[in-house]
Every structure is written in C-alpha cells, then in structure tokens.
Amino acid sequence: QNTVTNLGASIGTALAGAVLIAAL
C-alpha cells in the first residue's frame, strides 16, 4: 500500500509539473 502511494505521489507531482512547464 505504501509503495503504490509513494509511486502515485511521485508520478502525480512529476506529471503535473511536466505538463505545466510544457504548456507554460
């Protein structure tokens, strides 16, 4: 459970950041 939550949090931050900077 804690492994998938860490993966989800890492991907969520990375994905939001990458899309934000690309669109910006």
PDBML (XML) file of the C-alpha atoms, coordinates in Angstrom:
<?xml version="1.0" encoding="UTF-8" ?>
<PDBx:datablock datablockName="MODEL"
   xmlns:PDBx="http://pdbml.pdb.org/schema/pdbx-v50.xsd"
   xmlns:xsi="http://www.w3.org/2001/XMLSchema-instance"
   xsi:schemaLocation="http://pdbml.pdb.org/schema/pdbx-v50.xsd pdbx-v50.xsd">
   <PDBx:atom_siteCategory>
      <PDBx:atom_site id="1">
         <PDBx:B_iso_or_equiv>0.00</PDBx:B_iso_or_equiv>
         <PDBx:Cartn_x>0.000</PDBx:Cartn_x>
         <PDBx:Cartn_y>0.000</PDBx:Cartn_y>
         <PDBx:Cartn_z>0.000</PDBx:Cartn_z>
         <PDBx:auth_asym_id>A</PDBx:auth_asym_id>
         <PDBx:auth_atom_id>CA</PDBx:auth_atom_id>
         <PDBx:auth_comp_id>GLN</PDBx:auth_comp_id>
         <PDBx:auth_seq_id>1</PDBx:auth_seq_id>
         <PDBx:group_PDB>ATOM</PDBx:group_PDB>
         <PDBx:label_alt_id xsi:nil="true" />
         <PDBx:label_asym_id>A</PDBx:label_asym_id>
         <PDBx:label_atom_id>CA</PDBx:label_atom_id>
         <PDBx:label_comp_id>GLN</PDBx:label_comp_id>
         <PDBx:label_entity_id>1</PDBx:label_entity_id>
         <PDBx:label_seq_id>1</PDBx:label_seq_id>
         <PDBx:occupancy>1.00</PDBx:occupancy>
         <PDBx:pdbx_PDB_model_num>1</PDBx:pdbx_PDB_model_num>
         <PDBx:type_symbol>C</PDBx:type_symbol>
      </PDBx:atom_site>
      <PDBx:atom_site id="2">
         <PDBx:B_iso_or_equiv>0.00</PDBx:B_iso_or_equiv>
         <PDBx:Cartn_x>2.708</PDBx:Cartn_x>
         <PDBx:Cartn_y>2.491</PDBx:Cartn_y>
         <PDBx:Cartn_z>0.934</PDBx:Cartn_z>
         <PDBx:auth_asym_id>A</PDBx:auth_asym_id>
         <PDBx:auth_atom_id>CA</PDBx:auth_atom_id>
         <PDBx:auth_comp_id>ASN</PDBx:auth_comp_id>
         <PDBx:auth_seq_id>2</PDBx:auth_seq_id>
         <PDBx:group_PDB>ATOM</PDBx:group_PDB>
         <PDBx:label_alt_id xsi:nil="true" />
         <PDBx:label_asym_id>A</PDBx:label_asym_id>
         <PDBx:label_atom_id>CA</PDBx:label_atom_id>
         <PDBx:label_comp_id>ASN</PDBx:label_comp_id>
         <PDBx:label_entity_id>1</PDBx:label_entity_id>
         <PDBx:label_seq_id>2</PDBx:label_seq_id>
         <PDBx:occupancy>1.00</PDBx:occupancy>
         <PDBx:pdbx_PDB_model_num>1</PDBx:pdbx_PDB_model_num>
         <PDBx:type_symbol>C</PDBx:type_symbol>
      </PDBx:atom_site>
      <PDBx:atom_site id="3">
         <PDBx:B_iso_or_equiv>0.00</PDBx:B_iso_or_equiv>
         <PDBx:Cartn_x>4.739</PDBx:Cartn_x>
         <PDBx:Cartn_y>1.559</PDBx:Cartn_y>
         <PDBx:Cartn_z>-2.125</PDBx:Cartn_z>
         <PDBx:auth_asym_id>A</PDBx:auth_asym_id>
         <PDBx:auth_atom_id>CA</PDBx:auth_atom_id>
         <PDBx:auth_comp_id>THR</PDBx:auth_comp_id>
         <PDBx:auth_seq_id>3</PDBx:auth_seq_id>
         <PDBx:group_PDB>ATOM</PDBx:group_PDB>
         <PDBx:label_alt_id xsi:nil="true" />
         <PDBx:label_asym_id>A</PDBx:label_asym_id>
         <PDBx:label_atom_id>CA</PDBx:label_atom_id>
         <PDBx:label_comp_id>THR</PDBx:label_comp_id>
         <PDBx:label_entity_id>1</PDBx:label_entity_id>
         <PDBx:label_seq_id>3</PDBx:label_seq_id>
         <PDBx:occupancy>1.00</PDBx:occupancy>
         <PDBx:pdbx_PDB_model_num>1</PDBx:pdbx_PDB_model_num>
         <PDBx:type_symbol>C</PDBx:type_symbol>
      </PDBx:atom_site>
      <PDBx:atom_site id="4">
         <PDBx:B_iso_or_equiv>0.00</PDBx:B_iso_or_equiv>
         <PDBx:Cartn_x>1.894</PDBx:Cartn_x>
         <PDBx:Cartn_y>2.367</PDBx:Cartn_y>
         <PDBx:Cartn_z>-4.527</PDBx:Cartn_z>
         <PDBx:auth_asym_id>A</PDBx:auth_asym_id>
         <PDBx:auth_atom_id>CA</PDBx:auth_atom_id>
         <PDBx:auth_comp_id>VAL</PDBx:auth_comp_id>
         <PDBx:auth_seq_id>4</PDBx:auth_seq_id>
         <PDBx:group_PDB>ATOM</PDBx:group_PDB>
         <PDBx:label_alt_id xsi:nil="true" />
         <PDBx:label_asym_id>A</PDBx:label_asym_id>
         <PDBx:label_atom_id>CA</PDBx:label_atom_id>
         <PDBx:label_comp_id>VAL</PDBx:label_comp_id>
         <PDBx:label_entity_id>1</PDBx:label_entity_id>
         <PDBx:label_seq_id>4</PDBx:label_seq_id>
         <PDBx:occupancy>1.00</PDBx:occupancy>
         <PDBx:pdbx_PDB_model_num>1</PDBx:pdbx_PDB_model_num>
         <PDBx:type_symbol>C</PDBx:type_symbol>
      </PDBx:atom_site>
      <PDBx:atom_site id="5">
         <PDBx:B_iso_or_equiv>0.00</PDBx:B_iso_or_equiv>
         <PDBx:Cartn_x>1.002</PDBx:Cartn_x>
         <PDBx:Cartn_y>5.564</PDBx:Cartn_y>
         <PDBx:Cartn_z>-2.658</PDBx:Cartn_z>
         <PDBx:auth_asym_id>A</PDBx:auth_asym_id>
         <PDBx:auth_atom_id>CA</PDBx:auth_atom_id>
         <PDBx:auth_comp_id>THR</PDBx:auth_comp_id>
         <PDBx:auth_seq_id>5</PDBx:auth_seq_id>
         <PDBx:group_PDB>ATOM</PDBx:group_PDB>
         <PDBx:label_alt_id xsi:nil="true" />
         <PDBx:label_asym_id>A</PDBx:label_asym_id>
         <PDBx:label_atom_id>CA</PDBx:label_atom_id>
         <PDBx:label_comp_id>THR</PDBx:label_comp_id>
         <PDBx:label_entity_id>1</PDBx:label_entity_id>
         <PDBx:label_seq_id>5</PDBx:label_seq_id>
         <PDBx:occupancy>1.00</PDBx:occupancy>
         <PDBx:pdbx_PDB_model_num>1</PDBx:pdbx_PDB_model_num>
         <PDBx:type_symbol>C</PDBx:type_symbol>
      </PDBx:atom_site>
      <PDBx:atom_site id="6">
         <PDBx:B_iso_or_equiv>0.00</PDBx:B_iso_or_equiv>
         <PDBx:Cartn_x>4.616</PDBx:Cartn_x>
         <PDBx:Cartn_y>6.764</PDBx:Cartn_y>
         <PDBx:Cartn_z>-2.935</PDBx:Cartn_z>
         <PDBx:auth_asym_id>A</PDBx:auth_asym_id>
         <PDBx:auth_atom_id>CA</PDBx:auth_atom_id>
         <PDBx:auth_comp_id>ASN</PDBx:auth_comp_id>
         <PDBx:auth_seq_id>6</PDBx:auth_seq_id>
         <PDBx:group_PDB>ATOM</PDBx:group_PDB>
         <PDBx:label_alt_id xsi:nil="true" />
         <PDBx:label_asym_id>A</PDBx:label_asym_id>
         <PDBx:label_atom_id>CA</PDBx:label_atom_id>
         <PDBx:label_comp_id>ASN</PDBx:label_comp_id>
         <PDBx:label_entity_id>1</PDBx:label_entity_id>
         <PDBx:label_seq_id>6</PDBx:label_seq_id>
         <PDBx:occupancy>1.00</PDBx:occupancy>
         <PDBx:pdbx_PDB_model_num>1</PDBx:pdbx_PDB_model_num>
         <PDBx:type_symbol>C</PDBx:type_symbol>
      </PDBx:atom_site>
      <PDBx:atom_site id="7">
         <PDBx:B_iso_or_equiv>0.00</PDBx:B_iso_or_equiv>
         <PDBx:Cartn_x>4.659</PDBx:Cartn_x>
         <PDBx:Cartn_y>5.900</PDBx:Cartn_y>
         <PDBx:Cartn_z>-6.633</PDBx:Cartn_z>
         <PDBx:auth_asym_id>A</PDBx:auth_asym_id>
         <PDBx:auth_atom_id>CA</PDBx:auth_atom_id>
         <PDBx:auth_comp_id>LEU</PDBx:auth_comp_id>
         <PDBx:auth_seq_id>7</PDBx:auth_seq_id>
         <PDBx:group_PDB>ATOM</PDBx:group_PDB>
         <PDBx:label_alt_id xsi:nil="true" />
         <PDBx:label_asym_id>A</PDBx:label_asym_id>
         <PDBx:label_atom_id>CA</PDBx:label_atom_id>
         <PDBx:label_comp_id>LEU</PDBx:label_comp_id>
         <PDBx:label_entity_id>1</PDBx:label_entity_id>
         <PDBx:label_seq_id>7</PDBx:label_seq_id>
         <PDBx:occupancy>1.00</PDBx:occupancy>
         <PDBx:pdbx_PDB_model_num>1</PDBx:pdbx_PDB_model_num>
         <PDBx:type_symbol>C</PDBx:type_symbol>
      </PDBx:atom_site>
      <PDBx:atom_site id="8">
         <PDBx:B_iso_or_equiv>0.00</PDBx:B_iso_or_equiv>
         <PDBx:Cartn_x>1.338</PDBx:Cartn_x>
         <PDBx:Cartn_y>7.679</PDBx:Cartn_y>
         <PDBx:Cartn_z>-7.148</PDBx:Cartn_z>
         <PDBx:auth_asym_id>A</PDBx:auth_asym_id>
         <PDBx:auth_atom_id>CA</PDBx:auth_atom_id>
         <PDBx:auth_comp_id>GLY</PDBx:auth_comp_id>
         <PDBx:auth_seq_id>8</PDBx:auth_seq_id>
         <PDBx:group_PDB>ATOM</PDBx:group_PDB>
         <PDBx:label_alt_id xsi:nil="true" />
         <PDBx:label_asym_id>A</PDBx:label_asym_id>
         <PDBx:label_atom_id>CA</PDBx:label_atom_id>
         <PDBx:label_comp_id>GLY</PDBx:label_comp_id>
         <PDBx:label_entity_id>1</PDBx:label_entity_id>
         <PDBx:label_seq_id>8</PDBx:label_seq_id>
         <PDBx:occupancy>1.00</PDBx:occupancy>
         <PDBx:pdbx_PDB_model_num>1</PDBx:pdbx_PDB_model_num>
         <PDBx:type_symbol>C</PDBx:type_symbol>
      </PDBx:atom_site>
      <PDBx:atom_site id="9">
         <PDBx:B_iso_or_equiv>0.00</PDBx:B_iso_or_equiv>
         <PDBx:Cartn_x>2.508</PDBx:Cartn_x>
         <PDBx:Cartn_y>10.800</PDBx:Cartn_y>
         <PDBx:Cartn_z>-5.343</PDBx:Cartn_z>
         <PDBx:auth_asym_id>A</PDBx:auth_asym_id>
         <PDBx:auth_atom_id>CA</PDBx:auth_atom_id>
         <PDBx:auth_comp_id>ALA</PDBx:auth_comp_id>
         <PDBx:auth_seq_id>9</PDBx:auth_seq_id>
         <PDBx:group_PDB>ATOM</PDBx:group_PDB>
         <PDBx:label_alt_id xsi:nil="true" />
         <PDBx:label_asym_id>A</PDBx:label_asym_id>
         <PDBx:label_atom_id>CA</PDBx:label_atom_id>
         <PDBx:label_comp_id>ALA</PDBx:label_comp_id>
         <PDBx:label_entity_id>1</PDBx:label_entity_id>
         <PDBx:label_seq_id>9</PDBx:label_seq_id>
         <PDBx:occupancy>1.00</PDBx:occupancy>
         <PDBx:pdbx_PDB_model_num>1</PDBx:pdbx_PDB_model_num>
         <PDBx:type_symbol>C</PDBx:type_symbol>
      </PDBx:atom_site>
      <PDBx:atom_site id="10">
         <PDBx:B_iso_or_equiv>0.00</PDBx:B_iso_or_equiv>
         <PDBx:Cartn_x>5.794</PDBx:Cartn_x>
         <PDBx:Cartn_y>10.875</PDBx:Cartn_y>
         <PDBx:Cartn_z>-7.272</PDBx:Cartn_z>
         <PDBx:auth_asym_id>A</PDBx:auth_asym_id>
         <PDBx:auth_atom_id>CA</PDBx:auth_atom_id>
         <PDBx:auth_comp_id>SER</PDBx:auth_comp_id>
         <PDBx:auth_seq_id>10</PDBx:auth_seq_id>
         <PDBx:group_PDB>ATOM</PDBx:group_PDB>
         <PDBx:label_alt_id xsi:nil="true" />
         <PDBx:label_asym_id>A</PDBx:label_asym_id>
         <PDBx:label_atom_id>CA</PDBx:label_atom_id>
         <PDBx:label_comp_id>SER</PDBx:label_comp_id>
         <PDBx:label_entity_id>1</PDBx:label_entity_id>
         <PDBx:label_seq_id>10</PDBx:label_seq_id>
         <PDBx:occupancy>1.00</PDBx:occupancy>
         <PDBx:pdbx_PDB_model_num>1</PDBx:pdbx_PDB_model_num>
         <PDBx:type_symbol>C</PDBx:type_symbol>
      </PDBx:atom_site>
      <PDBx:atom_site id="11">
         <PDBx:B_iso_or_equiv>0.00</PDBx:B_iso_or_equiv>
         <PDBx:Cartn_x>4.055</PDBx:Cartn_x>
         <PDBx:Cartn_y>10.425</PDBx:Cartn_y>
         <PDBx:Cartn_z>-10.623</PDBx:Cartn_z>
         <PDBx:auth_asym_id>A</PDBx:auth_asym_id>
         <PDBx:auth_atom_id>CA</PDBx:auth_atom_id>
         <PDBx:auth_comp_id>ILE</PDBx:auth_comp_id>
         <PDBx:auth_seq_id>11</PDBx:auth_seq_id>
         <PDBx:group_PDB>ATOM</PDBx:group_PDB>
         <PDBx:label_alt_id xsi:nil="true" />
         <PDBx:label_asym_id>A</PDBx:label_asym_id>
         <PDBx:label_atom_id>CA</PDBx:label_atom_id>
         <PDBx:label_comp_id>ILE</PDBx:label_comp_id>
         <PDBx:label_entity_id>1</PDBx:label_entity_id>
         <PDBx:label_seq_id>11</PDBx:label_seq_id>
         <PDBx:occupancy>1.00</PDBx:occupancy>
         <PDBx:pdbx_PDB_model_num>1</PDBx:pdbx_PDB_model_num>
         <PDBx:type_symbol>C</PDBx:type_symbol>
      </PDBx:atom_site>
      <PDBx:atom_site id="12">
         <PDBx:B_iso_or_equiv>0.00</PDBx:B_iso_or_equiv>
         <PDBx:Cartn_x>1.376</PDBx:Cartn_x>
         <PDBx:Cartn_y>12.993</PDBx:Cartn_y>
         <PDBx:Cartn_z>-9.750</PDBx:Cartn_z>
         <PDBx:auth_asym_id>A</PDBx:auth_asym_id>
         <PDBx:auth_atom_id>CA</PDBx:auth_atom_id>
         <PDBx:auth_comp_id>GLY</PDBx:auth_comp_id>
         <PDBx:auth_seq_id>12</PDBx:auth_seq_id>
         <PDBx:group_PDB>ATOM</PDBx:group_PDB>
         <PDBx:label_alt_id xsi:nil="true" />
         <PDBx:label_asym_id>A</PDBx:label_asym_id>
         <PDBx:label_atom_id>CA</PDBx:label_atom_id>
         <PDBx:label_comp_id>GLY</PDBx:label_comp_id>
         <PDBx:label_entity_id>1</PDBx:label_entity_id>
         <PDBx:label_seq_id>12</PDBx:label_seq_id>
         <PDBx:occupancy>1.00</PDBx:occupancy>
         <PDBx:pdbx_PDB_model_num>1</PDBx:pdbx_PDB_model_num>
         <PDBx:type_symbol>C</PDBx:type_symbol>
      </PDBx:atom_site>
      <PDBx:atom_site id="13">
         <PDBx:B_iso_or_equiv>0.00</PDBx:B_iso_or_equiv>
         <PDBx:Cartn_x>3.952</PDBx:Cartn_x>
         <PDBx:Cartn_y>15.665</PDBx:Cartn_y>
         <PDBx:Cartn_z>-8.940</PDBx:Cartn_z>
         <PDBx:auth_asym_id>A</PDBx:auth_asym_id>
         <PDBx:auth_atom_id>CA</PDBx:auth_atom_id>
         <PDBx:auth_comp_id>THR</PDBx:auth_comp_id>
         <PDBx:auth_seq_id>13</PDBx:auth_seq_id>
         <PDBx:group_PDB>ATOM</PDBx:group_PDB>
         <PDBx:label_alt_id xsi:nil="true" />
         <PDBx:label_asym_id>A</PDBx:label_asym_id>
         <PDBx:label_atom_id>CA</PDBx:label_atom_id>
         <PDBx:label_comp_id>THR</PDBx:label_comp_id>
         <PDBx:label_entity_id>1</PDBx:label_entity_id>
         <PDBx:label_seq_id>13</PDBx:label_seq_id>
         <PDBx:occupancy>1.00</PDBx:occupancy>
         <PDBx:pdbx_PDB_model_num>1</PDBx:pdbx_PDB_model_num>
         <PDBx:type_symbol>C</PDBx:type_symbol>
      </PDBx:atom_site>
      <PDBx:atom_site id="14">
         <PDBx:B_iso_or_equiv>0.00</PDBx:B_iso_or_equiv>
         <PDBx:Cartn_x>6.136</PDBx:Cartn_x>
         <PDBx:Cartn_y>14.839</PDBx:Cartn_y>
         <PDBx:Cartn_z>-11.946</PDBx:Cartn_z>
         <PDBx:auth_asym_id>A</PDBx:auth_asym_id>
         <PDBx:auth_atom_id>CA</PDBx:auth_atom_id>
         <PDBx:auth_comp_id>ALA</PDBx:auth_comp_id>
         <PDBx:auth_seq_id>14</PDBx:auth_seq_id>
         <PDBx:group_PDB>ATOM</PDBx:group_PDB>
         <PDBx:label_alt_id xsi:nil="true" />
         <PDBx:label_asym_id>A</PDBx:label_asym_id>
         <PDBx:label_atom_id>CA</PDBx:label_atom_id>
         <PDBx:label_comp_id>ALA</PDBx:label_comp_id>
         <PDBx:label_entity_id>1</PDBx:label_entity_id>
         <PDBx:label_seq_id>14</PDBx:label_seq_id>
         <PDBx:occupancy>1.00</PDBx:occupancy>
         <PDBx:pdbx_PDB_model_num>1</PDBx:pdbx_PDB_model_num>
         <PDBx:type_symbol>C</PDBx:type_symbol>
      </PDBx:atom_site>
      <PDBx:atom_site id="15">
         <PDBx:B_iso_or_equiv>0.00</PDBx:B_iso_or_equiv>
         <PDBx:Cartn_x>3.202</PDBx:Cartn_x>
         <PDBx:Cartn_y>14.674</PDBx:Cartn_y>
         <PDBx:Cartn_z>-14.366</PDBx:Cartn_z>
         <PDBx:auth_asym_id>A</PDBx:auth_asym_id>
         <PDBx:auth_atom_id>CA</PDBx:auth_atom_id>
         <PDBx:auth_comp_id>LEU</PDBx:auth_comp_id>
         <PDBx:auth_seq_id>15</PDBx:auth_seq_id>
         <PDBx:group_PDB>ATOM</PDBx:group_PDB>
         <PDBx:label_alt_id xsi:nil="true" />
         <PDBx:label_asym_id>A</PDBx:label_asym_id>
         <PDBx:label_atom_id>CA</PDBx:label_atom_id>
         <PDBx:label_comp_id>LEU</PDBx:label_comp_id>
         <PDBx:label_entity_id>1</PDBx:label_entity_id>
         <PDBx:label_seq_id>15</PDBx:label_seq_id>
         <PDBx:occupancy>1.00</PDBx:occupancy>
         <PDBx:pdbx_PDB_model_num>1</PDBx:pdbx_PDB_model_num>
         <PDBx:type_symbol>C</PDBx:type_symbol>
      </PDBx:atom_site>
      <PDBx:atom_site id="16">
         <PDBx:B_iso_or_equiv>0.00</PDBx:B_iso_or_equiv>
         <PDBx:Cartn_x>1.595</PDBx:Cartn_x>
         <PDBx:Cartn_y>17.924</PDBx:Cartn_y>
         <PDBx:Cartn_z>-13.189</PDBx:Cartn_z>
         <PDBx:auth_asym_id>A</PDBx:auth_asym_id>
         <PDBx:auth_atom_id>CA</PDBx:auth_atom_id>
         <PDBx:auth_comp_id>ALA</PDBx:auth_comp_id>
         <PDBx:auth_seq_id>16</PDBx:auth_seq_id>
         <PDBx:group_PDB>ATOM</PDBx:group_PDB>
         <PDBx:label_alt_id xsi:nil="true" />
         <PDBx:label_asym_id>A</PDBx:label_asym_id>
         <PDBx:label_atom_id>CA</PDBx:label_atom_id>
         <PDBx:label_comp_id>ALA</PDBx:label_comp_id>
         <PDBx:label_entity_id>1</PDBx:label_entity_id>
         <PDBx:label_seq_id>16</PDBx:label_seq_id>
         <PDBx:occupancy>1.00</PDBx:occupancy>
         <PDBx:pdbx_PDB_model_num>1</PDBx:pdbx_PDB_model_num>
         <PDBx:type_symbol>C</PDBx:type_symbol>
      </PDBx:atom_site>
      <PDBx:atom_site id="17">
         <PDBx:B_iso_or_equiv>0.00</PDBx:B_iso_or_equiv>
         <PDBx:Cartn_x>4.974</PDBx:Cartn_x>
         <PDBx:Cartn_y>19.664</PDBx:Cartn_y>
         <PDBx:Cartn_z>-13.254</PDBx:Cartn_z>
         <PDBx:auth_asym_id>A</PDBx:auth_asym_id>
         <PDBx:auth_atom_id>CA</PDBx:auth_atom_id>
         <PDBx:auth_comp_id>GLY</PDBx:auth_comp_id>
         <PDBx:auth_seq_id>17</PDBx:auth_seq_id>
         <PDBx:group_PDB>ATOM</PDBx:group_PDB>
         <PDBx:label_alt_id xsi:nil="true" />
         <PDBx:label_asym_id>A</PDBx:label_asym_id>
         <PDBx:label_atom_id>CA</PDBx:label_atom_id>
         <PDBx:label_comp_id>GLY</PDBx:label_comp_id>
         <PDBx:label_entity_id>1</PDBx:label_entity_id>
         <PDBx:label_seq_id>17</PDBx:label_seq_id>
         <PDBx:occupancy>1.00</PDBx:occupancy>
         <PDBx:pdbx_PDB_model_num>1</PDBx:pdbx_PDB_model_num>
         <PDBx:type_symbol>C</PDBx:type_symbol>
      </PDBx:atom_site>
      <PDBx:atom_site id="18">
         <PDBx:B_iso_or_equiv>0.00</PDBx:B_iso_or_equiv>
         <PDBx:Cartn_x>5.927</PDBx:Cartn_x>
         <PDBx:Cartn_y>18.429</PDBx:Cartn_y>
         <PDBx:Cartn_z>-16.725</PDBx:Cartn_z>
         <PDBx:auth_asym_id>A</PDBx:auth_asym_id>
         <PDBx:auth_atom_id>CA</PDBx:auth_atom_id>
         <PDBx:auth_comp_id>ALA</PDBx:auth_comp_id>
         <PDBx:auth_seq_id>18</PDBx:auth_seq_id>
         <PDBx:group_PDB>ATOM</PDBx:group_PDB>
         <PDBx:label_alt_id xsi:nil="true" />
         <PDBx:label_asym_id>A</PDBx:label_asym_id>
         <PDBx:label_atom_id>CA</PDBx:label_atom_id>
         <PDBx:label_comp_id>ALA</PDBx:label_comp_id>
         <PDBx:label_entity_id>1</PDBx:label_entity_id>
         <PDBx:label_seq_id>18</PDBx:label_seq_id>
         <PDBx:occupancy>1.00</PDBx:occupancy>
         <PDBx:pdbx_PDB_model_num>1</PDBx:pdbx_PDB_model_num>
         <PDBx:type_symbol>C</PDBx:type_symbol>
      </PDBx:atom_site>
      <PDBx:atom_site id="19">
         <PDBx:B_iso_or_equiv>0.00</PDBx:B_iso_or_equiv>
         <PDBx:Cartn_x>2.569</PDBx:Cartn_x>
         <PDBx:Cartn_y>19.349</PDBx:Cartn_y>
         <PDBx:Cartn_z>-18.276</PDBx:Cartn_z>
         <PDBx:auth_asym_id>A</PDBx:auth_asym_id>
         <PDBx:auth_atom_id>CA</PDBx:auth_atom_id>
         <PDBx:auth_comp_id>VAL</PDBx:auth_comp_id>
         <PDBx:auth_seq_id>19</PDBx:auth_seq_id>
         <PDBx:group_PDB>ATOM</PDBx:group_PDB>
         <PDBx:label_alt_id xsi:nil="true" />
         <PDBx:label_asym_id>A</PDBx:label_asym_id>
         <PDBx:label_atom_id>CA</PDBx:label_atom_id>
         <PDBx:label_comp_id>VAL</PDBx:label_comp_id>
         <PDBx:label_entity_id>1</PDBx:label_entity_id>
         <PDBx:label_seq_id>19</PDBx:label_seq_id>
         <PDBx:occupancy>1.00</PDBx:occupancy>
         <PDBx:pdbx_PDB_model_num>1</PDBx:pdbx_PDB_model_num>
         <PDBx:type_symbol>C</PDBx:type_symbol>
      </PDBx:atom_site>
      <PDBx:atom_site id="20">
         <PDBx:B_iso_or_equiv>0.00</PDBx:B_iso_or_equiv>
         <PDBx:Cartn_x>2.551</PDBx:Cartn_x>
         <PDBx:Cartn_y>22.737</PDBx:Cartn_y>
         <PDBx:Cartn_z>-16.550</PDBx:Cartn_z>
         <PDBx:auth_asym_id>A</PDBx:auth_asym_id>
         <PDBx:auth_atom_id>CA</PDBx:auth_atom_id>
         <PDBx:auth_comp_id>LEU</PDBx:auth_comp_id>
         <PDBx:auth_seq_id>20</PDBx:auth_seq_id>
         <PDBx:group_PDB>ATOM</PDBx:group_PDB>
         <PDBx:label_alt_id xsi:nil="true" />
         <PDBx:label_asym_id>A</PDBx:label_asym_id>
         <PDBx:label_atom_id>CA</PDBx:label_atom_id>
         <PDBx:label_comp_id>LEU</PDBx:label_comp_id>
         <PDBx:label_entity_id>1</PDBx:label_entity_id>
         <PDBx:label_seq_id>20</PDBx:label_seq_id>
         <PDBx:occupancy>1.00</PDBx:occupancy>
         <PDBx:pdbx_PDB_model_num>1</PDBx:pdbx_PDB_model_num>
         <PDBx:type_symbol>C</PDBx:type_symbol>
      </PDBx:atom_site>
      <PDBx:atom_site id="21">
         <PDBx:B_iso_or_equiv>0.00</PDBx:B_iso_or_equiv>
         <PDBx:Cartn_x>6.029</PDBx:Cartn_x>
         <PDBx:Cartn_y>23.697</PDBx:Cartn_y>
         <PDBx:Cartn_z>-17.783</PDBx:Cartn_z>
         <PDBx:auth_asym_id>A</PDBx:auth_asym_id>
         <PDBx:auth_atom_id>CA</PDBx:auth_atom_id>
         <PDBx:auth_comp_id>ILE</PDBx:auth_comp_id>
         <PDBx:auth_seq_id>21</PDBx:auth_seq_id>
         <PDBx:group_PDB>ATOM</PDBx:group_PDB>
         <PDBx:label_alt_id xsi:nil="true" />
         <PDBx:label_asym_id>A</PDBx:label_asym_id>
         <PDBx:label_atom_id>CA</PDBx:label_atom_id>
         <PDBx:label_comp_id>ILE</PDBx:label_comp_id>
         <PDBx:label_entity_id>1</PDBx:label_entity_id>
         <PDBx:label_seq_id>21</PDBx:label_seq_id>
         <PDBx:occupancy>1.00</PDBx:occupancy>
         <PDBx:pdbx_PDB_model_num>1</PDBx:pdbx_PDB_model_num>
         <PDBx:type_symbol>C</PDBx:type_symbol>
      </PDBx:atom_site>
      <PDBx:atom_site id="22">
         <PDBx:B_iso_or_equiv>0.00</PDBx:B_iso_or_equiv>
         <PDBx:Cartn_x>5.377</PDBx:Cartn_x>
         <PDBx:Cartn_y>22.381</PDBx:Cartn_y>
         <PDBx:Cartn_z>-21.315</PDBx:Cartn_z>
         <PDBx:auth_asym_id>A</PDBx:auth_asym_id>
         <PDBx:auth_atom_id>CA</PDBx:auth_atom_id>
         <PDBx:auth_comp_id>ALA</PDBx:auth_comp_id>
         <PDBx:auth_seq_id>22</PDBx:auth_seq_id>
         <PDBx:group_PDB>ATOM</PDBx:group_PDB>
         <PDBx:label_alt_id xsi:nil="true" />
         <PDBx:label_asym_id>A</PDBx:label_asym_id>
         <PDBx:label_atom_id>CA</PDBx:label_atom_id>
         <PDBx:label_comp_id>ALA</PDBx:label_comp_id>
         <PDBx:label_entity_id>1</PDBx:label_entity_id>
         <PDBx:label_seq_id>22</PDBx:label_seq_id>
         <PDBx:occupancy>1.00</PDBx:occupancy>
         <PDBx:pdbx_PDB_model_num>1</PDBx:pdbx_PDB_model_num>
         <PDBx:type_symbol>C</PDBx:type_symbol>
      </PDBx:atom_site>
      <PDBx:atom_site id="23">
         <PDBx:B_iso_or_equiv>0.00</PDBx:B_iso_or_equiv>
         <PDBx:Cartn_x>2.116</PDBx:Cartn_x>
         <PDBx:Cartn_y>24.352</PDBx:Cartn_y>
         <PDBx:Cartn_z>-21.644</PDBx:Cartn_z>
         <PDBx:auth_asym_id>A</PDBx:auth_asym_id>
         <PDBx:auth_atom_id>CA</PDBx:auth_atom_id>
         <PDBx:auth_comp_id>ALA</PDBx:auth_comp_id>
         <PDBx:auth_seq_id>23</PDBx:auth_seq_id>
         <PDBx:group_PDB>ATOM</PDBx:group_PDB>
         <PDBx:label_alt_id xsi:nil="true" />
         <PDBx:label_asym_id>A</PDBx:label_asym_id>
         <PDBx:label_atom_id>CA</PDBx:label_atom_id>
         <PDBx:label_comp_id>ALA</PDBx:label_comp_id>
         <PDBx:label_entity_id>1</PDBx:label_entity_id>
         <PDBx:label_seq_id>23</PDBx:label_seq_id>
         <PDBx:occupancy>1.00</PDBx:occupancy>
         <PDBx:pdbx_PDB_model_num>1</PDBx:pdbx_PDB_model_num>
         <PDBx:type_symbol>C</PDBx:type_symbol>
      </PDBx:atom_site>
      <PDBx:atom_site id="24">
         <PDBx:B_iso_or_equiv>0.00</PDBx:B_iso_or_equiv>
         <PDBx:Cartn_x>3.649</PDBx:Cartn_x>
         <PDBx:Cartn_y>27.420</PDBx:Cartn_y>
         <PDBx:Cartn_z>-19.996</PDBx:Cartn_z>
         <PDBx:auth_asym_id>A</PDBx:auth_asym_id>
         <PDBx:auth_atom_id>CA</PDBx:auth_atom_id>
         <PDBx:auth_comp_id>LEU</PDBx:auth_comp_id>
         <PDBx:auth_seq_id>24</PDBx:auth_seq_id>
         <PDBx:group_PDB>ATOM</PDBx:group_PDB>
         <PDBx:label_alt_id xsi:nil="true" />
         <PDBx:label_asym_id>A</PDBx:label_asym_id>
         <PDBx:label_atom_id>CA</PDBx:label_atom_id>
         <PDBx:label_comp_id>LEU</PDBx:label_comp_id>
         <PDBx:label_entity_id>1</PDBx:label_entity_id>
         <PDBx:label_seq_id>24</PDBx:label_seq_id>
         <PDBx:occupancy>1.00</PDBx:occupancy>
         <PDBx:pdbx_PDB_model_num>1</PDBx:pdbx_PDB_model_num>
         <PDBx:type_symbol>C</PDBx:type_symbol>
      </PDBx:atom_site>
   </PDBx:atom_siteCategory>
</PDBx:datablock>
